[in-house]
């Protein structure tokens, strides 16, 4: 169980580092809940940014 939690935490940290807005040192101190919340916000921003482009082109 602990390994699965650490793997999930590492996934969120890796994905958030890829955005370029975070450094790994600070993210390791966050809870999984905080990481998940920020990850979902990040994914939502990327989808809206891409979605707005495609919606206007298809309308």
Protein backbone atom coordinates (compact mmCIF):
# COMPACT_ATOMS: atom_id res chain seq x y z
CA UNK A 1 0.00 0.00 0.00
CA UNK A 2 2.74 2.42 0.96
CA UNK A 3 4.54 1.75 -2.33
CA UNK A 4 1.39 2.57 -4.32
CA UNK A 5 0.99 5.86 -2.46
CA UNK A 6 4.61 6.80 -3.08
CA UNK A 7 4.25 5.88 -6.76
CA UNK A 8 1.15 8.06 -7.06
CA UNK A 9 2.88 10.95 -5.33
CA UNK A 10 5.88 10.61 -7.64
CA UNK A 11 3.57 10.66 -10.68
CA UNK A 12 1.97 13.95 -9.59
CA UNK A 13 5.35 15.49 -8.78
CA UNK A 14 6.77 14.47 -12.15
CA UNK A 15 3.78 15.85 -14.04
CA UNK A 16 3.83 19.15 -12.14
CA UNK A 17 7.57 19.57 -12.69
CA UNK A 18 6.97 19.17 -16.43
CA UNK A 19 4.76 22.27 -16.37
CA UNK A 20 7.78 24.34 -15.40
CA UNK A 21 5.99 26.14 -12.57
CA UNK A 22 7.22 23.97 -9.71
CA UNK A 23 10.49 22.60 -8.38
CA UNK A 24 10.75 19.13 -6.94
CA UNK A 25 12.06 20.23 -3.53
CA UNK A 26 8.87 22.05 -2.61
CA UNK A 27 6.53 19.44 -4.12
CA UNK A 28 7.89 16.61 -1.98
CA UNK A 29 6.53 18.43 1.07
CA UNK A 30 2.98 18.57 -0.34
CA UNK A 31 0.32 16.01 0.51
CA UNK A 32 -1.08 13.76 -2.19
CA UNK A 33 -4.35 15.67 -1.94
CA UNK A 34 -2.57 18.96 -2.63
CA UNK A 35 -0.60 17.45 -5.50
CA UNK A 36 -3.73 15.92 -7.04
CA UNK A 37 -5.62 19.20 -6.77
CA UNK A 38 -2.84 21.17 -8.48
CA UNK A 39 -2.41 18.46 -11.13
CA UNK A 40 -6.13 18.54 -11.96
CA UNK A 41 -6.02 22.33 -12.22
CA UNK A 42 -3.02 22.07 -14.53
CA UNK A 43 -4.68 19.45 -16.75
CA UNK A 44 -7.88 21.53 -16.85
CA UNK A 45 -5.97 24.62 -17.97
CA UNK A 46 -4.24 22.68 -20.75
CA UNK A 47 -7.51 21.12 -21.94
CA UNK A 48 -9.31 24.47 -21.95
CA UNK A 49 -6.46 26.08 -23.83
CA UNK A 50 -6.49 23.35 -26.50
CA UNK A 51 -10.27 22.91 -26.40
CA UNK A 52 -10.98 26.58 -27.06
CA UNK A 53 -8.85 26.40 -30.19
CA UNK A 54 -10.55 23.26 -31.51
CA UNK A 55 -14.09 24.38 -30.61
CA UNK A 56 -13.74 27.63 -32.51
CA UNK A 57 -12.31 25.82 -35.53
CA UNK A 58 -15.11 23.25 -35.61
CA UNK A 59 -17.98 25.74 -35.15
